[in-house]
């Protein structure tokens, strides 16, 4: 049996208010993950209350800045540093900010989807 999970779309201006409401109601932060899309990065914040999951979904365009939720859920700093370094997500006011030194990677933002690859012209 699969349990239904609520997915609530939020904007970057309403994210902190929704997260604060969840904290006040007793939800626990389960995880934060992101996925690169063609023209944005989709961020999913998963919360649990009484074994029922609720997800907040946020779409972030390139160059946009979002507010850290670590001021509400302190442990979010781990996810947020990871998202910044691996996906290039611009997150401000992380409570423990590694300033780009959370991971050692061979290249900056390794999980950012590159643009279309051009194939060489015939005969080159």
N, C-alpha and C. Protein backbone atom coordinates (compact mmCIF):
# COMPACT_ATOMS: atom_id res chain seq x y z
N UNK A 1 0.85 -1.18 0.00
CA UNK A 1 0.00 0.00 0.00
C UNK A 1 0.89 1.24 0.00
N UNK A 2 0.62 2.16 -0.89
CA UNK A 2 1.38 3.39 -1.00
C UNK A 2 0.57 4.54 -0.42
N UNK A 3 1.21 5.27 0.46
CA UNK A 3 0.54 6.42 1.08
C UNK A 3 0.64 7.63 0.17
N UNK A 4 -0.43 8.36 0.05
CA UNK A 4 -0.43 9.60 -0.70
C UNK A 4 0.42 10.64 0.03
N UNK A 5 1.16 11.42 -0.74
CA UNK A 5 1.95 12.50 -0.16
C UNK A 5 1.48 13.81 -0.77
N UNK A 6 1.24 14.77 0.10
CA UNK A 6 0.82 16.09 -0.37
C UNK A 6 2.03 16.83 -0.93
N UNK A 7 1.83 17.48 -2.06
CA UNK A 7 2.86 18.34 -2.67
C UNK A 7 2.25 19.72 -2.80
N UNK A 8 2.87 20.68 -2.13
CA UNK A 8 2.37 22.05 -2.13
C UNK A 8 3.39 22.94 -2.86
N UNK A 9 2.96 23.55 -3.94
CA UNK A 9 3.83 24.47 -4.68
C UNK A 9 3.93 25.77 -3.89
N UNK A 10 5.16 26.26 -3.70
CA UNK A 10 5.38 27.52 -3.00
C UNK A 10 6.29 28.40 -3.83
N UNK A 11 6.24 29.69 -3.56
CA UNK A 11 7.14 30.63 -4.20
C UNK A 11 8.26 30.97 -3.23
N UNK A 12 9.31 31.59 -3.76
CA UNK A 12 10.44 31.91 -2.89
C UNK A 12 10.07 32.93 -1.82
N UNK A 13 9.02 33.73 -2.06
CA UNK A 13 8.60 34.72 -1.07
C UNK A 13 7.71 34.13 0.02
N UNK A 14 7.13 32.95 -0.22
CA UNK A 14 6.25 32.33 0.77
C UNK A 14 6.88 31.12 1.46
N UNK A 15 8.07 30.72 1.01
CA UNK A 15 8.72 29.53 1.55
C UNK A 15 8.92 29.60 3.06
N UNK A 16 9.55 30.65 3.55
CA UNK A 16 9.85 30.74 4.99
C UNK A 16 8.60 30.73 5.86
N UNK A 17 7.55 31.40 5.41
CA UNK A 17 6.31 31.41 6.17
C UNK A 17 5.70 30.02 6.27
N UNK A 18 5.71 29.27 5.16
CA UNK A 18 5.17 27.91 5.17
C UNK A 18 6.00 27.01 6.07
N UNK A 19 7.33 27.14 5.98
CA UNK A 19 8.23 26.33 6.80
C UNK A 19 8.04 26.66 8.28
N UNK A 20 7.91 27.93 8.61
CA UNK A 20 7.67 28.33 10.01
C UNK A 20 6.35 27.76 10.52
N UNK A 21 5.32 27.76 9.69
CA UNK A 21 4.04 27.16 10.07
C UNK A 21 4.21 25.67 10.37
N UNK A 22 4.95 24.96 9.52
CA UNK A 22 5.18 23.53 9.75
C UNK A 22 5.90 23.31 11.07
N UNK A 23 6.92 24.12 11.32
CA UNK A 23 7.69 23.98 12.57
C UNK A 23 6.78 24.20 13.78
N UNK A 24 5.96 25.22 13.72
CA UNK A 24 5.04 25.54 14.82
C UNK A 24 4.05 24.40 15.05
N UNK A 25 3.63 23.72 13.99
CA UNK A 25 2.68 22.62 14.10
C UNK A 25 3.33 21.30 14.54
N UNK A 26 4.66 21.28 14.61
CA UNK A 26 5.35 20.08 15.09
C UNK A 26 5.89 19.17 14.01
N UNK A 27 5.91 19.62 12.77
CA UNK A 27 6.49 18.81 11.70
C UNK A 27 7.99 18.69 11.89
N UNK A 28 8.55 17.58 11.44
CA UNK A 28 10.01 17.44 11.42
C UNK A 28 10.47 17.50 9.98
N UNK A 29 11.64 18.07 9.76
CA UNK A 29 12.24 18.12 8.44
C UNK A 29 12.82 16.74 8.14
N UNK A 30 12.43 16.14 7.04
CA UNK A 30 12.91 14.81 6.68
C UNK A 30 14.09 14.92 5.71
N UNK A 31 13.93 15.73 4.68
CA UNK A 31 15.00 15.88 3.69
C UNK A 31 14.70 17.05 2.78
N UNK A 32 15.75 17.50 2.10
CA UNK A 32 15.61 18.51 1.05
C UNK A 32 16.39 17.96 -0.14
N UNK A 33 15.81 18.02 -1.31
CA UNK A 33 16.54 17.58 -2.50
C UNK A 33 16.21 18.52 -3.65
N UNK A 34 17.07 18.48 -4.65
CA UNK A 34 16.77 19.30 -5.82
C UNK A 34 17.09 18.53 -7.08
N UNK A 35 16.46 18.97 -8.14
CA UNK A 35 16.60 18.35 -9.45
C UNK A 35 16.73 19.44 -10.49
N UNK A 36 17.77 19.37 -11.32
CA UNK A 36 17.87 20.37 -12.39
C UNK A 36 16.85 20.08 -13.48
N UNK A 37 16.14 21.10 -13.87
CA UNK A 37 15.21 21.01 -14.99
C UNK A 37 15.81 21.77 -16.16
N UNK A 38 15.10 21.85 -17.25
CA UNK A 38 15.63 22.53 -18.43
C UNK A 38 15.91 24.01 -18.17
N UNK A 39 15.00 24.69 -17.45
CA UNK A 39 15.15 26.13 -17.25
C UNK A 39 15.09 26.56 -15.79
N UNK A 40 15.23 25.61 -14.86
CA UNK A 40 15.15 25.93 -13.43
C UNK A 40 15.70 24.77 -12.61
N UNK A 41 15.76 24.97 -11.32
CA UNK A 41 16.08 23.90 -10.38
C UNK A 41 14.86 23.73 -9.50
N UNK A 42 14.37 22.51 -9.42
CA UNK A 42 13.23 22.21 -8.57
C UNK A 42 13.74 21.74 -7.22
N UNK A 43 13.27 22.39 -6.15
CA UNK A 43 13.69 22.04 -4.80
C UNK A 43 12.47 21.48 -4.06
N UNK A 44 12.65 20.32 -3.43
CA UNK A 44 11.58 19.69 -2.66
C UNK A 44 12.00 19.59 -1.20
N UNK A 45 11.18 20.15 -0.34
CA UNK A 45 11.38 20.10 1.11
C UNK A 45 10.35 19.11 1.65
N UNK A 46 10.80 18.03 2.28
CA UNK A 46 9.89 17.00 2.79
C UNK A 46 9.79 17.09 4.30
N UNK A 47 8.55 17.07 4.79
CA UNK A 47 8.26 17.17 6.22
C UNK A 47 7.35 16.01 6.63
N UNK A 48 7.43 15.65 7.89
CA UNK A 48 6.62 14.55 8.42
C UNK A 48 5.93 14.99 9.70
N UNK A 49 4.67 14.60 9.82
CA UNK A 49 3.93 14.76 11.07
C UNK A 49 3.04 13.54 11.21
N UNK A 50 3.23 12.80 12.30
CA UNK A 50 2.43 11.60 12.56
C UNK A 50 2.48 10.60 11.39
N UNK A 51 3.69 10.39 10.86
CA UNK A 51 3.92 9.43 9.78
C UNK A 51 3.21 9.79 8.48
N UNK A 52 2.96 11.06 8.28
CA UNK A 52 2.35 11.53 7.05
C UNK A 52 3.26 12.60 6.44
N UNK A 53 3.65 12.39 5.18
CA UNK A 53 4.57 13.29 4.51
C UNK A 53 3.84 14.43 3.81
N UNK A 54 4.44 15.61 3.90
CA UNK A 54 4.00 16.76 3.13
C UNK A 54 5.25 17.38 2.52
N UNK A 55 5.17 17.71 1.24
CA UNK A 55 6.31 18.25 0.52
C UNK A 55 6.01 19.66 0.04
N UNK A 56 6.96 20.54 0.22
CA UNK A 56 6.89 21.87 -0.36
C UNK A 56 7.78 21.86 -1.59
N UNK A 57 7.27 22.32 -2.71
CA UNK A 57 8.02 22.32 -3.96
C UNK A 57 8.22 23.75 -4.42
N UNK A 58 9.47 24.05 -4.76
CA UNK A 58 9.86 25.40 -5.16
C UNK A 58 10.66 25.30 -6.46
N UNK A 59 10.36 26.15 -7.41
CA UNK A 59 11.11 26.21 -8.66
C UNK A 59 11.96 27.47 -8.64
N UNK A 60 13.27 27.30 -8.84
CA UNK A 60 14.21 28.42 -8.78
C UNK A 60 14.87 28.61 -10.15
N UNK A 61 14.70 29.79 -10.70
CA UNK A 61 15.28 30.12 -12.01
C UNK A 61 16.76 30.44 -11.84
N UNK A 62 17.56 30.28 -12.89
CA UNK A 62 18.97 30.64 -12.82
C UNK A 62 19.15 32.10 -12.38
N UNK A 63 20.05 32.32 -11.44
CA UNK A 63 20.32 33.66 -10.95
C UNK A 63 19.44 34.10 -9.80
N UNK A 64 18.34 33.39 -9.54
CA UNK A 64 17.48 33.74 -8.41
C UNK A 64 18.14 33.31 -7.10
N UNK A 65 17.82 34.05 -6.06
CA UNK A 65 18.34 33.76 -4.72
C UNK A 65 17.17 33.36 -3.83
N UNK A 66 17.39 32.33 -3.00
CA UNK A 66 16.36 31.93 -2.06
C UNK A 66 16.91 32.03 -0.64
N UNK A 67 16.00 32.13 0.30
CA UNK A 67 16.36 32.25 1.71
C UNK A 67 16.56 30.86 2.31
N UNK A 68 17.56 30.73 3.14
CA UNK A 68 17.80 29.48 3.87
C UNK A 68 16.67 29.23 4.86
N UNK A 69 16.32 27.96 5.04
CA UNK A 69 15.35 27.61 6.08
C UNK A 69 16.07 27.17 7.35
N UNK A 70 17.41 27.23 7.34
CA UNK A 70 18.18 26.78 8.51
C UNK A 70 17.97 27.66 9.74
N UNK A 71 17.38 28.84 9.57
CA UNK A 71 17.05 29.66 10.74
C UNK A 71 15.85 29.08 11.48
N UNK A 72 15.11 28.18 10.82
CA UNK A 72 13.95 27.53 11.43
C UNK A 72 14.29 26.08 11.77
N UNK A 73 14.83 25.36 10.80
CA UNK A 73 15.29 23.98 10.99
C UNK A 73 16.81 24.01 10.84
N UNK A 74 17.52 24.05 11.95
CA UNK A 74 18.97 24.22 11.96
C UNK A 74 19.67 23.20 11.08
N UNK A 75 19.23 21.96 11.11
CA UNK A 75 19.90 20.88 10.38
C UNK A 75 19.83 21.07 8.86
N UNK A 76 19.02 21.97 8.38
CA UNK A 76 18.91 22.21 6.94
C UNK A 76 20.21 22.75 6.35
N UNK A 77 21.12 23.24 7.20
CA UNK A 77 22.37 23.81 6.68
C UNK A 77 23.15 22.77 5.87
N UNK A 78 23.06 21.49 6.23
CA UNK A 78 23.79 20.46 5.50
C UNK A 78 23.24 20.35 4.07
N UNK A 79 21.93 20.21 3.94
CA UNK A 79 21.30 20.13 2.62
C UNK A 79 21.58 21.39 1.80
N UNK A 80 21.50 22.53 2.43
CA UNK A 80 21.63 23.79 1.69
C UNK A 80 23.06 24.01 1.19
N UNK A 81 24.06 23.68 1.99
CA UNK A 81 25.45 23.77 1.51
C UNK A 81 25.66 22.81 0.34
N UNK A 82 25.09 21.63 0.45
CA UNK A 82 25.20 20.64 -0.62
C UNK A 82 24.54 21.15 -1.91
N UNK A 83 23.34 21.68 -1.80
CA UNK A 83 22.65 22.17 -3.00
C UNK A 83 23.39 23.34 -3.64
N UNK A 84 23.98 24.17 -2.82
CA UNK A 84 24.74 25.30 -3.37
C UNK A 84 25.95 24.79 -4.15
N UNK A 85 26.69 23.86 -3.56
CA UNK A 85 27.93 23.41 -4.19
C UNK A 85 27.73 22.45 -5.35
N UNK A 86 26.75 21.57 -5.25
CA UNK A 86 26.58 20.57 -6.30
C UNK A 86 25.67 21.03 -7.43
N UNK A 87 24.72 21.92 -7.13
CA UNK A 87 23.75 22.36 -8.13
C UNK A 87 23.83 23.85 -8.45
N UNK A 88 24.65 24.60 -7.71
CA UNK A 88 24.78 26.03 -7.97
C UNK A 88 23.61 26.86 -7.49
N UNK A 89 22.82 26.32 -6.58
CA UNK A 89 21.67 27.05 -6.05
C UNK A 89 22.14 28.19 -5.16
N UNK A 90 21.61 29.37 -5.38
CA UNK A 90 22.01 30.55 -4.62
C UNK A 90 21.13 30.68 -3.37
N UNK A 91 21.68 30.30 -2.21
CA UNK A 91 20.93 30.31 -0.95
C UNK A 91 21.62 31.29 -0.01
N UNK A 92 20.83 32.22 0.55
CA UNK A 92 21.43 33.22 1.44
C UNK A 92 21.08 32.92 2.89
N UNK A 93 21.96 33.35 3.78
CA UNK A 93 21.79 33.27 5.23
C UNK A 93 21.75 31.86 5.80
N UNK A 94 22.59 30.96 5.28
CA UNK A 94 22.70 29.62 5.85
C UNK A 94 23.39 29.75 7.21
N UNK A 95 22.85 29.12 8.26
CA UNK A 95 23.40 29.32 9.62
C UNK A 95 24.83 28.82 9.75
N UNK A 96 25.18 27.73 9.12
CA UNK A 96 26.58 27.27 9.07
C UNK A 96 26.92 27.20 7.58
N UNK A 97 27.63 28.22 7.12
CA UNK A 97 27.91 28.38 5.70
C UNK A 97 29.36 28.00 5.41
N UNK A 98 29.54 26.96 4.63
CA UNK A 98 30.88 26.48 4.31
C UNK A 98 31.54 27.28 3.18
N UNK A 99 30.87 28.26 2.66
CA UNK A 99 31.43 29.16 1.65
C UNK A 99 32.06 28.41 0.47
N UNK A 100 31.39 27.35 0.02
CA UNK A 100 31.89 26.60 -1.13
C UNK A 100 32.92 25.54 -0.80
N UNK A 101 33.11 25.21 0.47
CA UNK A 101 34.12 24.22 0.87
C UNK A 101 33.51 23.05 1.64
N UNK A 102 32.27 22.73 1.36
CA UNK A 102 31.61 21.61 2.04
C UNK A 102 32.08 20.28 1.45
N UNK A 103 32.23 20.25 0.13
CA UNK A 103 32.70 19.07 -0.60
C UNK A 103 33.96 19.41 -1.38
N UNK A 104 34.74 18.39 -1.65
CA UNK A 104 35.84 18.52 -2.60
C UNK A 104 35.36 17.90 -3.90
N UNK A 105 35.24 18.69 -4.91
CA UNK A 105 34.79 18.19 -6.21
C UNK A 105 35.80 18.58 -7.27
N UNK A 106 35.88 17.77 -8.31
CA UNK A 106 36.81 18.04 -9.40
C UNK A 106 36.39 19.25 -10.23
N UNK A 107 35.09 19.56 -10.17
CA UNK A 107 34.58 20.71 -10.93
C UNK A 107 33.49 21.39 -10.10
N UNK A 108 33.33 22.68 -10.24
CA UNK A 108 32.26 23.36 -9.50
C UNK A 108 30.89 22.93 -10.03
N UNK A 109 29.93 22.85 -9.15
CA UNK A 109 28.54 22.49 -9.46
C UNK A 109 28.43 21.32 -10.44
N UNK A 110 28.90 20.14 -10.06
CA UNK A 110 28.94 19.00 -10.99
C UNK A 110 27.57 18.47 -11.43
N UNK A 111 26.50 18.80 -10.72
CA UNK A 111 25.19 18.25 -11.09
C UNK A 111 24.33 19.22 -11.87
N UNK A 112 24.91 20.32 -12.31
CA UNK A 112 24.17 21.25 -13.15
C UNK A 112 24.14 20.67 -14.55
N UNK A 113 22.96 20.60 -15.12
CA UNK A 113 22.81 20.07 -16.46
C UNK A 113 23.37 21.06 -17.47
N UNK A 114 24.35 20.64 -18.26
CA UNK A 114 24.89 21.57 -19.26
C UNK A 114 23.88 21.83 -20.36
N UNK A 115 24.12 22.88 -21.10
CA UNK A 115 23.25 23.22 -22.22
C UNK A 115 23.37 22.18 -23.33
N UNK A 116 22.64 22.39 -24.42
CA UNK A 116 22.68 21.41 -25.52
C UNK A 116 24.10 21.28 -26.09
N UNK A 117 24.44 20.08 -26.44
CA UNK A 117 25.76 19.81 -27.01
C UNK A 117 25.65 19.88 -28.53
N UNK A 118 26.52 20.68 -29.12
CA UNK A 118 26.52 20.80 -30.57
C UNK A 118 27.40 19.72 -31.16
N UNK A 119 26.90 19.05 -32.18
CA UNK A 119 27.71 18.03 -32.84
C UNK A 119 28.50 18.69 -33.96
N UNK A 120 29.71 18.19 -34.19
CA UNK A 120 30.53 18.80 -35.25
C UNK A 120 29.88 18.59 -36.61
N UNK A 121 30.14 19.54 -37.49
CA UNK A 121 29.60 19.46 -38.85
C UNK A 121 30.22 18.25 -39.56
N UNK A 122 29.49 17.69 -40.53
CA UNK A 122 30.01 16.54 -41.28
C UNK A 122 31.33 16.88 -41.92
N UNK A 123 32.26 15.95 -41.88
CA UNK A 123 33.55 16.12 -42.53
C UNK A 123 34.59 16.81 -41.67
N UNK A 124 34.27 17.20 -40.44
CA UNK A 124 35.26 17.87 -39.59
C UNK A 124 35.92 16.89 -38.69
